[in-house]
């Protein structure tokens, strides 16, 4: 198996975005694609590693550059400022996400009829908003995502949804979890909430260790959430044949 990676430039209006794609060139046919939405720190090594993990599982991993220009804010203040531009304008966020979705689907290696998305923290919200916007996704997985719904017209959710949520997450308290459950019920989509006890925010990130902000890695929860993700991806992509080059 040979995993290759490359940057992929795409435009949203006048903003240049630089995504990151990983794929296994052992297979000749276009393959299912898993779009990855980065956390509030921008398109970083953590997000890139998830793309490579998807390639190792036989899919295309495609990380969106949702901030644009490859921005990677460093301080808490810088990250909050970059994220809040889109938190305060969810229509702008959905338009940025649609541009990335189209860029991923346009790649020769990708089968655009078999696309899923996942995301972490802010990226979890991005993934849920992709589903809320009615994008043609087979699956949408949010890891410790921000859960509040946008004040935008509702569209049919096509994806099968997993919300992997730390019950003690201070950034998405139990009331938010209950609200998104009701939202998913009203949408009529295939959904599940995995609520993990003794788990706070950023549980998927081994470098997360800031109890004051509620950021703490949890290896058990990471493993359980990741296994559930791979199971869902196998379910929605399992019948997609690939042919060795």
Protein backbone atom coordinates (compact mmCIF):
# COMPACT_ATOMS: atom_id res chain seq x y z
CA UNK A 1 0.00 0.00 0.00
CA UNK A 2 1.31 3.42 -0.98
CA UNK A 3 -0.44 6.42 0.56
CA UNK A 4 0.06 9.66 -1.29
CA UNK A 5 -0.83 13.17 -0.18
CA UNK A 6 -1.09 16.54 -1.85
CA UNK A 7 -2.45 20.05 -1.27
CA UNK A 8 -5.56 20.94 -3.26
CA UNK A 9 -6.36 24.58 -3.97
CA UNK A 10 -9.94 25.68 -4.43
CA UNK A 11 -11.81 28.96 -4.29
CA UNK A 12 -14.73 30.28 -2.32
CA UNK A 13 -15.51 33.60 -3.91
CA UNK A 14 -12.24 35.55 -3.70
CA UNK A 15 -10.86 33.41 -0.88
CA UNK A 16 -8.27 30.81 -1.79
CA UNK A 17 -8.53 27.65 0.26
CA UNK A 18 -5.83 24.99 0.42
CA UNK A 19 -7.19 21.57 1.28
CA UNK A 20 -5.24 18.38 1.90
CA UNK A 21 -5.90 15.05 0.21
CA UNK A 22 -4.64 11.56 1.06
CA UNK A 23 -5.26 8.43 -0.95
CA UNK A 24 -4.01 4.89 -1.49
CA UNK A 25 -2.81 4.54 -5.07
CA UNK A 26 -3.07 0.74 -4.95
CA UNK A 27 -6.57 1.06 -6.35
CA UNK A 28 -7.37 2.33 -9.83
CA UNK A 29 -11.08 3.08 -9.57
CA UNK A 30 -12.48 6.26 -8.00
CA UNK A 31 -13.05 5.62 -4.32
CA UNK A 32 -15.36 6.82 -1.55
CA UNK A 33 -14.27 10.07 0.03
CA UNK A 34 -14.37 11.15 3.66
CA UNK A 35 -14.27 14.92 4.03
CA UNK A 36 -12.62 16.08 7.25
CA UNK A 37 -13.46 19.36 8.95
CA UNK A 38 -10.66 20.73 11.14
CA UNK A 39 -11.00 22.02 14.69
CA UNK A 40 -10.63 25.66 15.70
CA UNK A 41 -6.88 25.60 15.14
CA UNK A 42 -7.23 25.30 11.35
CA UNK A 43 -5.97 22.63 8.96
CA UNK A 44 -3.25 21.13 11.14
CA UNK A 45 -1.35 17.88 11.53
CA UNK A 46 -4.16 16.29 13.52
CA UNK A 47 -6.61 16.79 10.64
CA UNK A 48 -4.02 15.60 8.12
CA UNK A 49 -3.46 12.44 10.16
CA UNK A 50 -7.17 11.68 9.97
CA UNK A 51 -7.04 12.00 6.18
CA UNK A 52 -4.15 9.54 6.10
CA UNK A 53 -6.11 7.19 8.36
CA UNK A 54 -8.99 7.29 5.90
CA UNK A 55 -6.60 6.49 3.05
CA UNK A 56 -5.27 3.54 5.04
CA UNK A 57 -8.84 2.25 5.25
CA UNK A 58 -9.22 2.39 1.46
CA UNK A 59 -11.01 5.74 1.20
CA UNK A 60 -9.95 9.20 0.09
CA UNK A 61 -9.31 11.57 2.96
CA UNK A 62 -9.91 15.23 2.08
CA UNK A 63 -9.42 17.94 4.68
CA UNK A 64 -11.22 21.20 4.01
CA UNK A 65 -9.54 24.55 4.65
CA UNK A 66 -12.53 26.25 6.21
CA UNK A 67 -10.68 29.35 7.40
CA UNK A 68 -9.08 29.92 4.00
CA UNK A 69 -5.50 30.72 2.99
CA UNK A 70 -4.25 27.79 5.07
CA UNK A 71 -4.71 29.83 8.25
CA UNK A 72 -3.62 28.16 11.50
CA UNK A 73 -4.34 30.57 14.36
CA UNK A 74 -2.22 29.78 17.43
CA UNK A 75 -3.49 31.52 20.56
CA UNK A 76 -6.88 30.98 22.17
CA UNK A 77 -7.84 34.53 21.19
CA UNK A 78 -6.78 34.06 17.57
CA UNK A 79 -8.57 30.73 17.30
CA UNK A 80 -11.74 32.12 18.85
CA UNK A 81 -11.69 35.09 16.48
CA UNK A 82 -11.23 32.89 13.39
CA UNK A 83 -13.99 30.51 14.45
CA UNK A 84 -16.44 33.20 15.52
CA UNK A 85 -16.51 34.73 12.04
CA UNK A 86 -18.34 31.59 10.95
CA UNK A 87 -20.23 30.94 14.18
CA UNK A 88 -21.83 34.36 13.75
CA UNK A 89 -22.58 33.84 10.05
CA UNK A 90 -23.68 30.26 9.51
CA UNK A 91 -24.81 31.01 5.97
CA UNK A 92 -21.24 32.04 5.13
CA UNK A 93 -20.01 28.86 6.81
CA UNK A 94 -22.33 26.65 4.77
CA UNK A 95 -21.25 28.39 1.57
CA UNK A 96 -17.57 27.82 2.48
CA UNK A 97 -18.36 24.17 3.22
CA UNK A 98 -20.17 23.74 -0.10
CA UNK A 99 -17.10 25.07 -1.94
CA UNK A 100 -14.94 22.49 -0.19
CA UNK A 101 -17.45 19.71 -0.84
CA UNK A 102 -17.45 20.54 -4.55
CA UNK A 103 -13.64 20.59 -4.62
CA UNK A 104 -13.46 17.16 -3.04
CA UNK A 105 -16.04 15.71 -5.42
CA UNK A 106 -14.16 17.14 -8.42
CA UNK A 107 -11.00 15.10 -7.76
CA UNK A 108 -10.36 12.32 -10.27
CA UNK A 109 -9.69 9.85 -7.46
CA UNK A 110 -13.09 10.47 -5.82
CA UNK A 111 -16.42 8.83 -6.51
CA UNK A 112 -18.72 11.82 -5.91
CA UNK A 113 -21.70 9.54 -5.28
CA UNK A 114 -19.99 8.09 -2.20
CA UNK A 115 -18.98 10.92 0.12
CA UNK A 116 -19.09 11.21 3.91
CA UNK A 117 -17.86 13.84 6.35
CA UNK A 118 -16.41 13.98 9.84
CA UNK A 119 -15.18 16.80 12.03
CA UNK A 120 -13.79 17.72 15.42
CA UNK A 121 -14.90 20.55 17.76
CA UNK A 122 -15.69 23.45 15.40
CA UNK A 123 -15.28 20.86 12.64
CA UNK A 124 -18.02 18.78 14.25
CA UNK A 125 -20.36 21.74 13.88
CA UNK A 126 -19.16 22.14 10.28
CA UNK A 127 -19.97 18.50 9.58
CA UNK A 128 -23.43 18.81 11.10
CA UNK A 129 -24.01 21.96 9.06
CA UNK A 130 -23.05 20.10 5.89
CA UNK A 131 -25.78 17.60 6.69
CA UNK A 132 -28.20 20.36 7.67
CA UNK A 133 -27.54 22.08 4.34
CA UNK A 134 -28.76 18.98 2.52
CA UNK A 135 -25.41 18.03 1.00
CA UNK A 136 -25.32 14.59 -0.56
CA UNK A 137 -23.47 12.75 2.21
CA UNK A 138 -23.71 9.07 3.04
CA UNK A 139 -22.62 9.72 6.62
CA UNK A 140 -21.83 12.67 8.90
CA UNK A 141 -19.85 12.15 12.11
CA UNK A 142 -19.32 14.87 14.71
CA UNK A 143 -16.65 14.35 17.38
CA UNK A 144 -17.01 16.62 20.44
CA UNK A 145 -18.71 19.09 18.14
CA UNK A 146 -20.50 22.31 18.93
CA UNK A 147 -24.15 21.39 18.55
CA UNK A 148 -26.26 24.54 18.16
CA UNK A 149 -28.40 24.63 15.03
CA UNK A 150 -28.21 27.58 12.61
CA UNK A 151 -31.15 29.91 12.14
CA UNK A 152 -31.50 28.94 8.49
CA UNK A 153 -34.19 27.21 6.41
CA UNK A 154 -34.25 23.50 7.17
CA UNK A 155 -33.37 21.04 4.43
CA UNK A 156 -33.67 17.28 4.36
CA UNK A 157 -30.72 15.54 5.99
CA UNK A 158 -29.54 12.78 3.65
CA UNK A 159 -26.67 11.49 5.79
CA UNK A 160 -26.64 8.86 8.49
CA UNK A 161 -25.50 10.87 11.50
CA UNK A 162 -23.34 10.00 14.50
CA UNK A 163 -22.91 12.60 17.25
CA UNK A 164 -20.00 11.43 19.41
CA UNK A 165 -20.35 13.57 22.52
CA UNK A 166 -18.64 13.84 25.88
CA UNK A 167 -21.39 14.20 28.45
CA UNK A 168 -19.21 16.48 30.59
CA UNK A 169 -18.26 18.75 27.68
CA UNK A 170 -18.59 22.34 28.97
CA UNK A 171 -18.83 23.67 25.40
CA UNK A 172 -21.89 21.54 24.64
CA UNK A 173 -23.81 20.92 27.89
CA UNK A 174 -26.54 18.28 28.24
CA UNK A 175 -29.24 20.78 27.20
CA UNK A 176 -27.48 21.17 23.83
CA UNK A 177 -27.31 17.41 23.44
CA UNK A 178 -31.02 17.08 24.13
CA UNK A 179 -31.77 19.89 21.67
CA UNK A 180 -29.88 18.26 18.82
CA UNK A 181 -31.62 14.95 19.56
CA UNK A 182 -34.94 16.70 19.06
CA UNK A 183 -33.60 18.39 15.93
CA UNK A 184 -32.56 15.02 14.50
CA UNK A 185 -35.95 13.49 15.35
CA UNK A 186 -37.69 16.35 13.55
CA UNK A 187 -35.40 15.91 10.54
CA UNK A 188 -36.45 12.29 10.12
CA UNK A 189 -32.89 11.21 9.35
CA UNK A 190 -31.04 8.08 10.49
CA UNK A 191 -29.16 9.32 13.53
CA UNK A 192 -27.57 8.28 16.80
CA UNK A 193 -26.09 10.10 19.78
CA UNK A 194 -23.16 8.40 21.50
CA UNK A 195 -22.87 10.13 24.86
CA UNK A 196 -19.74 9.16 26.77
CA UNK A 197 -19.49 9.54 30.53
CA UNK A 198 -16.35 10.81 32.26
CA UNK A 199 -15.56 12.59 28.99
CA UNK A 200 -15.10 16.28 28.25
CA UNK A 201 -14.21 18.28 25.15
CA UNK A 202 -11.45 17.33 22.66
CA UNK A 203 -11.46 13.68 23.76
CA UNK A 204 -10.14 12.56 20.35
CA UNK A 205 -6.97 14.65 20.53
CA UNK A 206 -4.02 13.07 22.39
CA UNK A 207 -2.52 16.52 22.93
CA UNK A 208 -5.60 17.94 24.65
CA UNK A 209 -4.80 18.62 28.32
CA UNK A 210 -6.34 21.83 29.64
CA UNK A 211 -8.83 20.92 32.39
CA UNK A 212 -9.63 24.59 33.05
CA UNK A 213 -11.07 24.85 29.52
CA UNK A 214 -12.59 21.38 29.71
CA UNK A 215 -10.15 19.96 27.14
CA UNK A 216 -8.97 16.45 27.94
CA UNK A 217 -7.98 13.45 25.84
CA UNK A 218 -9.75 10.19 26.70
CA UNK A 219 -8.20 7.11 25.12
CA UNK A 220 -11.16 4.82 25.86
CA UNK A 221 -13.66 7.24 24.38
CA UNK A 222 -11.43 7.88 21.38
CA UNK A 223 -11.27 4.16 20.65
CA UNK A 224 -15.01 3.62 21.06
CA UNK A 225 -15.96 6.63 18.95
CA UNK A 226 -13.46 5.72 16.20
CA UNK A 227 -14.66 2.11 16.06
CA UNK A 228 -18.25 3.32 15.70
CA UNK A 229 -17.12 5.61 12.89
CA UNK A 230 -15.35 2.87 10.96
CA UNK A 231 -18.38 0.63 11.37
CA UNK A 232 -20.68 3.29 9.91
CA UNK A 233 -18.32 4.01 7.02
CA UNK A 234 -18.16 0.31 6.25
CA UNK A 235 -21.95 0.22 6.32
CA UNK A 236 -22.42 3.10 3.88
CA UNK A 237 -19.42 2.32 1.65
CA UNK A 238 -19.19 -1.46 2.05
CA UNK A 239 -20.64 -2.33 -1.32
CA UNK A 240 -18.38 0.06 -3.21
CA UNK A 241 -15.96 -2.10 -5.18
CA UNK A 242 -12.38 -1.08 -5.76
CA UNK A 243 -10.07 -2.47 -8.39
CA UNK A 244 -6.33 -2.81 -7.87
CA UNK A 245 -4.15 -0.80 -10.24
